[in-house]
mmCIF file of all heavy atoms, coordinates in Angstrom:
data_MODEL
# 
_entry.id   MODEL 
# 
loop_
_atom_site.group_PDB 
_atom_site.id 
_atom_site.type_symbol 
_atom_site.label_atom_id 
_atom_site.label_alt_id 
_atom_site.label_comp_id 
_atom_site.label_asym_id 
_atom_site.label_entity_id 
_atom_site.label_seq_id 
_atom_site.pdbx_PDB_ins_code 
_atom_site.Cartn_x 
_atom_site.Cartn_y 
_atom_site.Cartn_z 
_atom_site.occupancy 
_atom_site.B_iso_or_equiv 
_atom_site.pdbx_formal_charge 
_atom_site.auth_seq_id 
_atom_site.auth_comp_id 
_atom_site.auth_asym_id 
_atom_site.auth_atom_id 
_atom_site.pdbx_PDB_model_num 
ATOM 1   N N   . THR A 1 1  ? -4.411 19.171 -7.989  1.00 0.00 ? 1  THR A N   1 
ATOM 2   C CA  . THR A 1 1  ? -3.554 18.027 -8.302  1.00 0.00 ? 1  THR A CA  1 
ATOM 3   C C   . THR A 1 1  ? -3.721 17.601 -9.760  1.00 0.00 ? 1  THR A C   1 
ATOM 4   O O   . THR A 1 1  ? -2.735 17.402 -10.479 1.00 0.00 ? 1  THR A O   1 
ATOM 5   C CB  . THR A 1 1  ? -3.849 16.860 -7.344  1.00 0.00 ? 1  THR A CB  1 
ATOM 6   O OG1 . THR A 1 1  ? -3.553 17.291 -6.006  1.00 0.00 ? 1  THR A OG1 1 
ATOM 7   C CG2 . THR A 1 1  ? -3.006 15.643 -7.678  1.00 0.00 ? 1  THR A CG2 1 
ATOM 8   N N   . THR A 1 2  ? -4.952 17.492 -10.199 1.00 0.00 ? 2  THR A N   1 
ATOM 9   C CA  . THR A 1 2  ? -5.219 17.071 -11.579 1.00 0.00 ? 2  THR A CA  1 
ATOM 10  C C   . THR A 1 2  ? -4.590 18.042 -12.573 1.00 0.00 ? 2  THR A C   1 
ATOM 11  O O   . THR A 1 2  ? -3.872 17.635 -13.495 1.00 0.00 ? 2  THR A O   1 
ATOM 12  C CB  . THR A 1 2  ? -6.742 16.988 -11.808 1.00 0.00 ? 2  THR A CB  1 
ATOM 13  O OG1 . THR A 1 2  ? -7.292 16.074 -10.862 1.00 0.00 ? 2  THR A OG1 1 
ATOM 14  C CG2 . THR A 1 2  ? -7.065 16.532 -13.216 1.00 0.00 ? 2  THR A CG2 1 
ATOM 15  N N   . ILE A 1 3  ? -4.840 19.318 -12.382 1.00 0.00 ? 3  ILE A N   1 
ATOM 16  C CA  . ILE A 1 3  ? -4.302 20.345 -13.283 1.00 0.00 ? 3  ILE A CA  1 
ATOM 17  C C   . ILE A 1 3  ? -2.783 20.430 -13.134 1.00 0.00 ? 3  ILE A C   1 
ATOM 18  O O   . ILE A 1 3  ? -2.059 20.558 -14.121 1.00 0.00 ? 3  ILE A O   1 
ATOM 19  C CB  . ILE A 1 3  ? -4.962 21.718 -12.996 1.00 0.00 ? 3  ILE A CB  1 
ATOM 20  C CG1 . ILE A 1 3  ? -6.465 21.670 -13.293 1.00 0.00 ? 3  ILE A CG1 1 
ATOM 21  C CG2 . ILE A 1 3  ? -4.261 22.838 -13.754 1.00 0.00 ? 3  ILE A CG2 1 
ATOM 22  C CD1 . ILE A 1 3  ? -6.839 21.353 -14.728 1.00 0.00 ? 3  ILE A CD1 1 
ATOM 23  N N   . GLY A 1 4  ? -2.304 20.331 -11.904 1.00 0.00 ? 4  GLY A N   1 
ATOM 24  C CA  . GLY A 1 4  ? -0.864 20.422 -11.655 1.00 0.00 ? 4  GLY A CA  1 
ATOM 25  C C   . GLY A 1 4  ? -0.072 19.346 -12.378 1.00 0.00 ? 4  GLY A C   1 
ATOM 26  O O   . GLY A 1 4  ? 0.973  19.623 -12.976 1.00 0.00 ? 4  GLY A O   1 
ATOM 27  N N   . LYS A 1 5  ? -0.584 18.124 -12.348 1.00 0.00 ? 5  LYS A N   1 
ATOM 28  C CA  . LYS A 1 5  ? 0.101  17.017 -13.041 1.00 0.00 ? 5  LYS A CA  1 
ATOM 29  C C   . LYS A 1 5  ? 0.182  17.291 -14.540 1.00 0.00 ? 5  LYS A C   1 
ATOM 30  O O   . LYS A 1 5  ? 1.216  17.081 -15.164 1.00 0.00 ? 5  LYS A O   1 
ATOM 31  C CB  . LYS A 1 5  ? -0.633 15.694 -12.799 1.00 0.00 ? 5  LYS A CB  1 
ATOM 32  C CG  . LYS A 1 5  ? -0.430 15.130 -11.419 1.00 0.00 ? 5  LYS A CG  1 
ATOM 33  C CD  . LYS A 1 5  ? -1.232 13.844 -11.239 1.00 0.00 ? 5  LYS A CD  1 
ATOM 34  C CE  . LYS A 1 5  ? -1.057 13.286 -9.845  1.00 0.00 ? 5  LYS A CE  1 
ATOM 35  N NZ  . LYS A 1 5  ? -1.906 12.103 -9.610  1.00 0.00 ? 5  LYS A NZ  1 
ATOM 36  N N   . GLN A 1 6  ? -0.926 17.745 -15.115 1.00 0.00 ? 6  GLN A N   1 
ATOM 37  C CA  . GLN A 1 6  ? -0.962 18.025 -16.553 1.00 0.00 ? 6  GLN A CA  1 
ATOM 38  C C   . GLN A 1 6  ? -0.051 19.196 -16.916 1.00 0.00 ? 6  GLN A C   1 
ATOM 39  O O   . GLN A 1 6  ? 0.655  19.158 -17.926 1.00 0.00 ? 6  GLN A O   1 
ATOM 40  C CB  . GLN A 1 6  ? -2.402 18.331 -16.995 1.00 0.00 ? 6  GLN A CB  1 
ATOM 41  C CG  . GLN A 1 6  ? -3.324 17.152 -16.898 1.00 0.00 ? 6  GLN A CG  1 
ATOM 42  C CD  . GLN A 1 6  ? -2.881 16.003 -17.793 1.00 0.00 ? 6  GLN A CD  1 
ATOM 43  O OE1 . GLN A 1 6  ? -2.488 16.193 -18.924 1.00 0.00 ? 6  GLN A OE1 1 
ATOM 44  N NE2 . GLN A 1 6  ? -2.913 14.800 -17.245 1.00 0.00 ? 6  GLN A NE2 1 
ATOM 45  N N   . LEU A 1 7  ? -0.066 20.229 -16.092 1.00 0.00 ? 7  LEU A N   1 
ATOM 46  C CA  . LEU A 1 7  ? 0.766  21.409 -16.329 1.00 0.00 ? 7  LEU A CA  1 
ATOM 47  C C   . LEU A 1 7  ? 2.248  21.046 -16.275 1.00 0.00 ? 7  LEU A C   1 
ATOM 48  O O   . LEU A 1 7  ? 3.034  21.449 -17.133 1.00 0.00 ? 7  LEU A O   1 
ATOM 49  C CB  . LEU A 1 7  ? 0.431  22.477 -15.286 1.00 0.00 ? 7  LEU A CB  1 
ATOM 50  C CG  . LEU A 1 7  ? 0.962  23.871 -15.509 1.00 0.00 ? 7  LEU A CG  1 
ATOM 51  C CD1 . LEU A 1 7  ? 0.425  24.460 -16.798 1.00 0.00 ? 7  LEU A CD1 1 
ATOM 52  C CD2 . LEU A 1 7  ? 0.591  24.759 -14.317 1.00 0.00 ? 7  LEU A CD2 1 
ATOM 53  N N   . ALA A 1 8  ? 2.623  20.250 -15.278 1.00 0.00 ? 8  ALA A N   1 
ATOM 54  C CA  . ALA A 1 8  ? 4.023  19.821 -15.144 1.00 0.00 ? 8  ALA A CA  1 
ATOM 55  C C   . ALA A 1 8  ? 4.444  18.989 -16.352 1.00 0.00 ? 8  ALA A C   1 
ATOM 56  O O   . ALA A 1 8  ? 5.533  19.188 -16.897 1.00 0.00 ? 8  ALA A O   1 
ATOM 57  C CB  . ALA A 1 8  ? 4.202  19.025 -13.852 1.00 0.00 ? 8  ALA A CB  1 
ATOM 58  N N   . LEU A 1 9  ? 3.593  18.091 -16.768 1.00 0.00 ? 9  LEU A N   1 
ATOM 59  C CA  . LEU A 1 9  ? 3.881  17.252 -17.924 1.00 0.00 ? 9  LEU A CA  1 
ATOM 60  C C   . LEU A 1 9  ? 4.062  18.110 -19.178 1.00 0.00 ? 9  LEU A C   1 
ATOM 61  O O   . LEU A 1 9  ? 5.032  17.945 -19.924 1.00 0.00 ? 9  LEU A O   1 
ATOM 62  C CB  . LEU A 1 9  ? 2.730  16.257 -18.117 1.00 0.00 ? 9  LEU A CB  1 
ATOM 63  C CG  . LEU A 1 9  ? 2.920  15.135 -19.110 1.00 0.00 ? 9  LEU A CG  1 
ATOM 64  C CD1 . LEU A 1 9  ? 4.058  14.215 -18.684 1.00 0.00 ? 9  LEU A CD1 1 
ATOM 65  C CD2 . LEU A 1 9  ? 1.631  14.336 -19.236 1.00 0.00 ? 9  LEU A CD2 1 
ATOM 66  N N   . HIS A 1 10 ? 3.171  19.052 -19.377 1.00 0.00 ? 10 HIS A N   1 
ATOM 67  C CA  . HIS A 1 10 ? 3.209  19.929 -20.549 1.00 0.00 ? 10 HIS A CA  1 
ATOM 68  C C   . HIS A 1 10 ? 4.491  20.778 -20.602 1.00 0.00 ? 10 HIS A C   1 
ATOM 69  O O   . HIS A 1 10 ? 5.024  21.038 -21.671 1.00 0.00 ? 10 HIS A O   1 
ATOM 70  C CB  . HIS A 1 10 ? 1.980  20.837 -20.549 1.00 0.00 ? 10 HIS A CB  1 
ATOM 71  C CG  . HIS A 1 10 ? 1.917  21.782 -21.695 1.00 0.00 ? 10 HIS A CG  1 
ATOM 72  N ND1 . HIS A 1 10 ? 1.532  21.397 -22.960 1.00 0.00 ? 10 HIS A ND1 1 
ATOM 73  C CD2 . HIS A 1 10 ? 2.216  23.103 -21.769 1.00 0.00 ? 10 HIS A CD2 1 
ATOM 74  C CE1 . HIS A 1 10 ? 1.591  22.443 -23.768 1.00 0.00 ? 10 HIS A CE1 1 
ATOM 75  N NE2 . HIS A 1 10 ? 1.996  23.486 -23.073 1.00 0.00 ? 10 HIS A NE2 1 
ATOM 76  N N   . HIS A 1 11 ? 4.970  21.201 -19.427 1.00 0.00 ? 11 HIS A N   1 
ATOM 77  C CA  . HIS A 1 11 ? 6.153  22.060 -19.373 1.00 0.00 ? 11 HIS A CA  1 
ATOM 78  C C   . HIS A 1 11 ? 7.425  21.302 -18.985 1.00 0.00 ? 11 HIS A C   1 
ATOM 79  O O   . HIS A 1 11 ? 8.454  21.919 -18.714 1.00 0.00 ? 11 HIS A O   1 
ATOM 80  C CB  . HIS A 1 11 ? 5.915  23.217 -18.401 1.00 0.00 ? 11 HIS A CB  1 
ATOM 81  C CG  . HIS A 1 11 ? 4.898  24.194 -18.912 1.00 0.00 ? 11 HIS A CG  1 
ATOM 82  N ND1 . HIS A 1 11 ? 5.191  25.139 -19.859 1.00 0.00 ? 11 HIS A ND1 1 
ATOM 83  C CD2 . HIS A 1 11 ? 3.573  24.338 -18.629 1.00 0.00 ? 11 HIS A CD2 1 
ATOM 84  C CE1 . HIS A 1 11 ? 4.107  25.846 -20.128 1.00 0.00 ? 11 HIS A CE1 1 
ATOM 85  N NE2 . HIS A 1 11 ? 3.113  25.371 -19.404 1.00 0.00 ? 11 HIS A NE2 1 
ATOM 86  N N   . ASN A 1 12 ? 7.325  19.985 -18.936 1.00 0.00 ? 12 ASN A N   1 
ATOM 87  C CA  . ASN A 1 12 ? 8.467  19.137 -18.592 1.00 0.00 ? 12 ASN A CA  1 
ATOM 88  C C   . ASN A 1 12 ? 9.094  19.551 -17.249 1.00 0.00 ? 12 ASN A C   1 
ATOM 89  O O   . ASN A 1 12 ? 10.303 19.713 -17.130 1.00 0.00 ? 12 ASN A O   1 
ATOM 90  C CB  . ASN A 1 12 ? 9.512  19.150 -19.715 1.00 0.00 ? 12 ASN A CB  1 
ATOM 91  C CG  . ASN A 1 12 ? 10.447 17.964 -19.616 1.00 0.00 ? 12 ASN A CG  1 
ATOM 92  O OD1 . ASN A 1 12 ? 10.068 16.908 -19.105 1.00 0.00 ? 12 ASN A OD1 1 
ATOM 93  N ND2 . ASN A 1 12 ? 11.667 18.144 -20.079 1.00 0.00 ? 12 ASN A ND2 1 
ATOM 94  N N   . LEU A 1 13 ? 8.234  19.724 -16.254 1.00 0.00 ? 13 LEU A N   1 
ATOM 95  C CA  . LEU A 1 13 ? 8.672  20.096 -14.913 1.00 0.00 ? 13 LEU A CA  1 
ATOM 96  C C   . LEU A 1 13 ? 8.307  19.000 -13.927 1.00 0.00 ? 13 LEU A C   1 
ATOM 97  O O   . LEU A 1 13 ? 7.428  18.177 -14.184 1.00 0.00 ? 13 LEU A O   1 
ATOM 98  C CB  . LEU A 1 13 ? 8.004  21.401 -14.469 1.00 0.00 ? 13 LEU A CB  1 
ATOM 99  C CG  . LEU A 1 13 ? 8.425  22.669 -15.191 1.00 0.00 ? 13 LEU A CG  1 
ATOM 100 C CD1 . LEU A 1 13 ? 7.486  23.817 -14.853 1.00 0.00 ? 13 LEU A CD1 1 
ATOM 101 C CD2 . LEU A 1 13 ? 9.859  23.038 -14.820 1.00 0.00 ? 13 LEU A CD2 1 
ATOM 102 N N   . ASN A 1 14 ? 8.954  19.026 -12.796 1.00 0.00 ? 14 ASN A N   1 
ATOM 103 C CA  . ASN A 1 14 ? 8.647  18.130 -11.699 1.00 0.00 ? 14 ASN A CA  1 
ATOM 104 C C   . ASN A 1 14 ? 7.282  18.526 -11.117 1.00 0.00 ? 14 ASN A C   1 
ATOM 105 O O   . ASN A 1 14 ? 6.970  19.705 -11.036 1.00 0.00 ? 14 ASN A O   1 
ATOM 106 C CB  . ASN A 1 14 ? 9.753  18.267 -10.640 1.00 0.00 ? 14 ASN A CB  1 
ATOM 107 C CG  . ASN A 1 14 ? 9.694  17.210 -9.579  1.00 0.00 ? 14 ASN A CG  1 
ATOM 108 O OD1 . ASN A 1 14 ? 9.248  16.102 -9.824  1.00 0.00 ? 14 ASN A OD1 1 
ATOM 109 N ND2 . ASN A 1 14 ? 10.149 17.560 -8.395  1.00 0.00 ? 14 ASN A ND2 1 
ATOM 110 N N   . PHE A 1 15 ? 6.471  17.559 -10.719 1.00 0.00 ? 15 PHE A N   1 
ATOM 111 C CA  . PHE A 1 15 ? 5.207  17.837 -10.053 1.00 0.00 ? 15 PHE A CA  1 
ATOM 112 C C   . PHE A 1 15 ? 5.314  17.419 -8.601  1.00 0.00 ? 15 PHE A C   1 
ATOM 113 O O   . PHE A 1 15 ? 5.771  16.317 -8.291  1.00 0.00 ? 15 PHE A O   1 
ATOM 114 C CB  . PHE A 1 15 ? 4.037  17.092 -10.710 1.00 0.00 ? 15 PHE A CB  1 
ATOM 115 C CG  . PHE A 1 15 ? 2.762  17.238 -9.933  1.00 0.00 ? 15 PHE A CG  1 
ATOM 116 C CD1 . PHE A 1 15 ? 2.075  18.432 -9.936  1.00 0.00 ? 15 PHE A CD1 1 
ATOM 117 C CD2 . PHE A 1 15 ? 2.274  16.191 -9.166  1.00 0.00 ? 15 PHE A CD2 1 
ATOM 118 C CE1 . PHE A 1 15 ? 0.905  18.591 -9.198  1.00 0.00 ? 15 PHE A CE1 1 
ATOM 119 C CE2 . PHE A 1 15 ? 1.109  16.330 -8.424  1.00 0.00 ? 15 PHE A CE2 1 
ATOM 120 C CZ  . PHE A 1 15 ? 0.426  17.535 -8.449  1.00 0.00 ? 15 PHE A CZ  1 
ATOM 121 N N   . ILE A 1 16 ? 4.887  18.306 -7.709  1.00 0.00 ? 16 ILE A N   1 
ATOM 122 C CA  . ILE A 1 16 ? 4.904  18.006 -6.274  1.00 0.00 ? 16 ILE A CA  1 
ATOM 123 C C   . ILE A 1 16 ? 3.526  18.285 -5.703  1.00 0.00 ? 16 ILE A C   1 
ATOM 124 O O   . ILE A 1 16 ? 3.007  19.396 -5.826  1.00 0.00 ? 16 ILE A O   1 
ATOM 125 C CB  . ILE A 1 16 ? 5.952  18.860 -5.526  1.00 0.00 ? 16 ILE A CB  1 
ATOM 126 C CG1 . ILE A 1 16 ? 7.356  18.567 -6.049  1.00 0.00 ? 16 ILE A CG1 1 
ATOM 127 C CG2 . ILE A 1 16 ? 5.862  18.626 -4.021  1.00 0.00 ? 16 ILE A CG2 1 
ATOM 128 C CD1 . ILE A 1 16 ? 8.424  19.515 -5.539  1.00 0.00 ? 16 ILE A CD1 1 
ATOM 129 N N   . ASP A 1 17 ? 2.946  17.279 -5.097  1.00 0.00 ? 17 ASP A N   1 
ATOM 130 C CA  . ASP A 1 17 ? 1.706  17.440 -4.345  1.00 0.00 ? 17 ASP A CA  1 
ATOM 131 C C   . ASP A 1 17 ? 2.126  17.454 -2.876  1.00 0.00 ? 17 ASP A C   1 
ATOM 132 O O   . ASP A 1 17 ? 2.684  16.467 -2.384  1.00 0.00 ? 17 ASP A O   1 
ATOM 133 C CB  . ASP A 1 17 ? 0.757  16.275 -4.643  1.00 0.00 ? 17 ASP A CB  1 
ATOM 134 C CG  . ASP A 1 17 ? -0.552 16.400 -3.894  1.00 0.00 ? 17 ASP A CG  1 
ATOM 135 O OD1 . ASP A 1 17 ? -0.527 16.383 -2.650  1.00 0.00 ? 17 ASP A OD1 1 
ATOM 136 O OD2 . ASP A 1 17 ? -1.589 16.505 -4.561  1.00 0.00 ? 17 ASP A OD2 1 
ATOM 137 N N   . ILE A 1 18 ? 1.920  18.569 -2.210  1.00 0.00 ? 18 ILE A N   1 
ATOM 138 C CA  . ILE A 1 18 ? 2.377  18.718 -0.823  1.00 0.00 ? 18 ILE A CA  1 
ATOM 139 C C   . ILE A 1 18 ? 1.815  17.607 0.065   1.00 0.00 ? 18 ILE A C   1 
ATOM 140 O O   . ILE A 1 18 ? 2.538  17.035 0.887   1.00 0.00 ? 18 ILE A O   1 
ATOM 141 C CB  . ILE A 1 18 ? 2.013  20.113 -0.252  1.00 0.00 ? 18 ILE A CB  1 
ATOM 142 C CG1 . ILE A 1 18 ? 2.740  21.229 -1.021  1.00 0.00 ? 18 ILE A CG1 1 
ATOM 143 C CG2 . ILE A 1 18 ? 2.315  20.192 1.243   1.00 0.00 ? 18 ILE A CG2 1 
ATOM 144 C CD1 . ILE A 1 18 ? 4.232  21.312 -0.823  1.00 0.00 ? 18 ILE A CD1 1 
ATOM 145 N N   . ASP A 1 19 ? 0.539  17.268 -0.105  1.00 0.00 ? 19 ASP A N   1 
ATOM 146 C CA  . ASP A 1 19 ? -0.049 16.195 0.705   1.00 0.00 ? 19 ASP A CA  1 
ATOM 147 C C   . ASP A 1 19 ? 0.676  14.870 0.474   1.00 0.00 ? 19 ASP A C   1 
ATOM 148 O O   . ASP A 1 19 ? 0.984  14.149 1.433   1.00 0.00 ? 19 ASP A O   1 
ATOM 149 C CB  . ASP A 1 19 ? -1.539 16.025 0.408   1.00 0.00 ? 19 ASP A CB  1 
ATOM 150 C CG  . ASP A 1 19 ? -2.396 17.109 1.052   1.00 0.00 ? 19 ASP A CG  1 
ATOM 151 O OD1 . ASP A 1 19 ? -1.881 17.871 1.884   1.00 0.00 ? 19 ASP A OD1 1 
ATOM 152 O OD2 . ASP A 1 19 ? -3.597 17.170 0.725   1.00 0.00 ? 19 ASP A OD2 1 
ATOM 153 N N   . ASN A 1 20 ? 0.957  14.551 -0.784  1.00 0.00 ? 20 ASN A N   1 
ATOM 154 C CA  . ASN A 1 20 ? 1.686  13.309 -1.080  1.00 0.00 ? 20 ASN A CA  1 
ATOM 155 C C   . ASN A 1 20 ? 3.081  13.330 -0.476  1.00 0.00 ? 20 ASN A C   1 
ATOM 156 O O   . ASN A 1 20 ? 3.572  12.319 0.031   1.00 0.00 ? 20 ASN A O   1 
ATOM 157 C CB  . ASN A 1 20 ? 1.777  13.067 -2.582  1.00 0.00 ? 20 ASN A CB  1 
ATOM 158 C CG  . ASN A 1 20 ? 0.440  12.673 -3.186  1.00 0.00 ? 20 ASN A CG  1 
ATOM 159 O OD1 . ASN A 1 20 ? -0.503 12.346 -2.485  1.00 0.00 ? 20 ASN A OD1 1 
ATOM 160 N ND2 . ASN A 1 20 ? 0.364  12.736 -4.498  1.00 0.00 ? 20 ASN A ND2 1 
ATOM 161 N N   . LYS A 1 21 ? 3.726  14.481 -0.549  1.00 0.00 ? 21 LYS A N   1 
ATOM 162 C CA  . LYS A 1 21 ? 5.073  14.639 0.026   1.00 0.00 ? 21 LYS A CA  1 
ATOM 163 C C   . LYS A 1 21 ? 5.037  14.345 1.533   1.00 0.00 ? 21 LYS A C   1 
ATOM 164 O O   . LYS A 1 21 ? 5.909  13.669 2.069   1.00 0.00 ? 21 LYS A O   1 
ATOM 165 C CB  . LYS A 1 21 ? 5.568  16.060 -0.246  1.00 0.00 ? 21 LYS A CB  1 
ATOM 166 C CG  . LYS A 1 21 ? 7.009  16.264 -0.070  1.00 0.00 ? 21 LYS A CG  1 
ATOM 167 C CD  . LYS A 1 21 ? 7.616  16.569 -1.434  1.00 0.00 ? 21 LYS A CD  1 
ATOM 168 C CE  . LYS A 1 21 ? 9.090  16.738 -1.328  1.00 0.00 ? 21 LYS A CE  1 
ATOM 169 N NZ  . LYS A 1 21 ? 9.826  15.749 -2.054  1.00 0.00 ? 21 LYS A NZ  1 
ATOM 170 N N   . ILE A 1 22 ? 4.013  14.871 2.204   1.00 0.00 ? 22 ILE A N   1 
ATOM 171 C CA  . ILE A 1 22 ? 3.863  14.646 3.648   1.00 0.00 ? 22 ILE A CA  1 
ATOM 172 C C   . ILE A 1 22 ? 3.600  13.172 3.931   1.00 0.00 ? 22 ILE A C   1 
ATOM 173 O O   . ILE A 1 22 ? 4.203  12.591 4.846   1.00 0.00 ? 22 ILE A O   1 
ATOM 174 C CB  . ILE A 1 22 ? 2.743  15.540 4.225   1.00 0.00 ? 22 ILE A CB  1 
ATOM 175 C CG1 . ILE A 1 22 ? 3.194  17.003 4.195   1.00 0.00 ? 22 ILE A CG1 1 
ATOM 176 C CG2 . ILE A 1 22 ? 2.356  15.109 5.633   1.00 0.00 ? 22 ILE A CG2 1 
ATOM 177 C CD1 . ILE A 1 22 ? 2.095  17.999 4.505   1.00 0.00 ? 22 ILE A CD1 1 
ATOM 178 N N   . GLU A 1 23 ? 2.725  12.560 3.147   1.00 0.00 ? 23 GLU A N   1 
ATOM 179 C CA  . GLU A 1 23 ? 2.436  11.133 3.350   1.00 0.00 ? 23 GLU A CA  1 
ATOM 180 C C   . GLU A 1 23 ? 3.687  10.286 3.152   1.00 0.00 ? 23 GLU A C   1 
ATOM 181 O O   . GLU A 1 23 ? 3.933  9.352  3.923   1.00 0.00 ? 23 GLU A O   1 
ATOM 182 C CB  . GLU A 1 23 ? 1.319  10.682 2.410   1.00 0.00 ? 23 GLU A CB  1 
ATOM 183 C CG  . GLU A 1 23 ? -0.041 11.215 2.816   1.00 0.00 ? 23 GLU A CG  1 
ATOM 184 C CD  . GLU A 1 23 ? -1.163 10.810 1.879   1.00 0.00 ? 23 GLU A CD  1 
ATOM 185 O OE1 . GLU A 1 23 ? -0.916 10.489 0.698   1.00 0.00 ? 23 GLU A OE1 1 
ATOM 186 O OE2 . GLU A 1 23 ? -2.319 10.816 2.345   1.00 0.00 ? 23 GLU A OE2 1 
ATOM 187 N N   . GLU A 1 24 ? 4.484  10.615 2.144   1.00 0.00 ? 24 GLU A N   1 
ATOM 188 C CA  . GLU A 1 24 ? 5.729  9.867  1.903   1.00 0.00 ? 24 GLU A CA  1 
ATOM 189 C C   . GLU A 1 24 ? 6.723  10.056 3.036   1.00 0.00 ? 24 GLU A C   1 
ATOM 190 O O   . GLU A 1 24 ? 7.348  9.096  3.492   1.00 0.00 ? 24 GLU A O   1 
ATOM 191 C CB  . GLU A 1 24 ? 6.384  10.326 0.593   1.00 0.00 ? 24 GLU A CB  1 
ATOM 192 C CG  . GLU A 1 24 ? 5.644  9.878  -0.649  1.00 0.00 ? 24 GLU A CG  1 
ATOM 193 C CD  . GLU A 1 24 ? 6.153  10.567 -1.921  1.00 0.00 ? 24 GLU A CD  1 
ATOM 194 O OE1 . GLU A 1 24 ? 7.225  11.221 -1.876  1.00 0.00 ? 24 GLU A OE1 1 
ATOM 195 O OE2 . GLU A 1 24 ? 5.463  10.454 -2.946  1.00 0.00 ? 24 GLU A OE2 1 
ATOM 196 N N   . SER A 1 25 ? 6.882  11.297 3.497   1.00 0.00 ? 25 SER A N   1 
ATOM 197 C CA  . SER A 1 25 ? 7.891  11.561 4.527   1.00 0.00 ? 25 SER A CA  1 
ATOM 198 C C   . SER A 1 25 ? 7.500  11.016 5.898   1.00 0.00 ? 25 SER A C   1 
ATOM 199 O O   . SER A 1 25 ? 8.362  10.662 6.689   1.00 0.00 ? 25 SER A O   1 
ATOM 200 C CB  . SER A 1 25 ? 8.204  13.058 4.625   1.00 0.00 ? 25 SER A CB  1 
ATOM 201 O OG  . SER A 1 25 ? 7.104  13.758 5.133   1.00 0.00 ? 25 SER A OG  1 
ATOM 202 N N   . THR A 1 26 ? 6.203  10.940 6.193   1.00 0.00 ? 26 THR A N   1 
ATOM 203 C CA  . THR A 1 26 ? 5.760  10.441 7.501   1.00 0.00 ? 26 THR A CA  1 
ATOM 204 C C   . THR A 1 26 ? 5.340  8.979  7.461   1.00 0.00 ? 26 THR A C   1 
ATOM 205 O O   . THR A 1 26 ? 5.170  8.359  8.501   1.00 0.00 ? 26 THR A O   1 
ATOM 206 C CB  . THR A 1 26 ? 4.544  11.257 8.019   1.00 0.00 ? 26 THR A CB  1 
ATOM 207 O OG1 . THR A 1 26 ? 3.465  11.106 7.100   1.00 0.00 ? 26 THR A OG1 1 
ATOM 208 C CG2 . THR A 1 26 ? 4.910  12.716 8.223   1.00 0.00 ? 26 THR A CG2 1 
ATOM 209 N N   . ASN A 1 27 ? 5.154  8.462  6.248   1.00 0.00 ? 27 ASN A N   1 
ATOM 210 C CA  . ASN A 1 27 ? 4.653  7.108  6.063   1.00 0.00 ? 27 ASN A CA  1 
ATOM 211 C C   . ASN A 1 27 ? 3.268  6.930  6.685   1.00 0.00 ? 27 ASN A C   1 
ATOM 212 O O   . ASN A 1 27 ? 2.925  5.865  7.195   1.00 0.00 ? 27 ASN A O   1 
ATOM 213 C CB  . ASN A 1 27 ? 5.645  6.080  6.630   1.00 0.00 ? 27 ASN A CB  1 
ATOM 214 C CG  . ASN A 1 27 ? 5.664  4.820  5.797   1.00 0.00 ? 27 ASN A CG  1 
ATOM 215 O OD1 . ASN A 1 27 ? 5.205  4.808  4.656   1.00 0.00 ? 27 ASN A OD1 1 
ATOM 216 N ND2 . ASN A 1 27 ? 6.168  3.747  6.373   1.00 0.00 ? 27 ASN A ND2 1 
ATOM 217 N N   . LYS A 1 28 ? 2.473  8.025  6.661   1.00 0.00 ? 28 LYS A N   1 
ATOM 218 C CA  . LYS A 1 28 ? 1.120  8.003  7.200   1.00 0.00 ? 28 LYS A CA  1 
ATOM 219 C C   . LYS A 1 28 ? 0.207  8.764  6.252   1.00 0.00 ? 28 LYS A C   1 
ATOM 220 O O   . LYS A 1 28 ? 0.639  9.682  5.564   1.00 0.00 ? 28 LYS A O   1 
ATOM 221 C CB  . LYS A 1 28 ? 1.053  8.686  8.569   1.00 0.00 ? 28 LYS A CB  1 
ATOM 222 C CG  . LYS A 1 28 ? 1.799  7.947  9.645   1.00 0.00 ? 28 LYS A CG  1 
ATOM 223 C CD  . LYS A 1 28 ? 1.671  8.652  10.968  1.00 0.00 ? 28 LYS A CD  1 
ATOM 224 C CE  . LYS A 1 28 ? 2.470  7.849  11.983  1.00 0.00 ? 28 LYS A CE  1 
ATOM 225 N NZ  . LYS A 1 28 ? 2.296  8.284  13.318  1.00 0.00 ? 28 LYS A NZ  1 
# 
């Protein structure tokens, strides 16, 4: 997650953390 956020920022790409996506979609 830490590296992914930085990599996405550096390359101007969207960052997706699968765990966060699941938490958002289930609200749990």
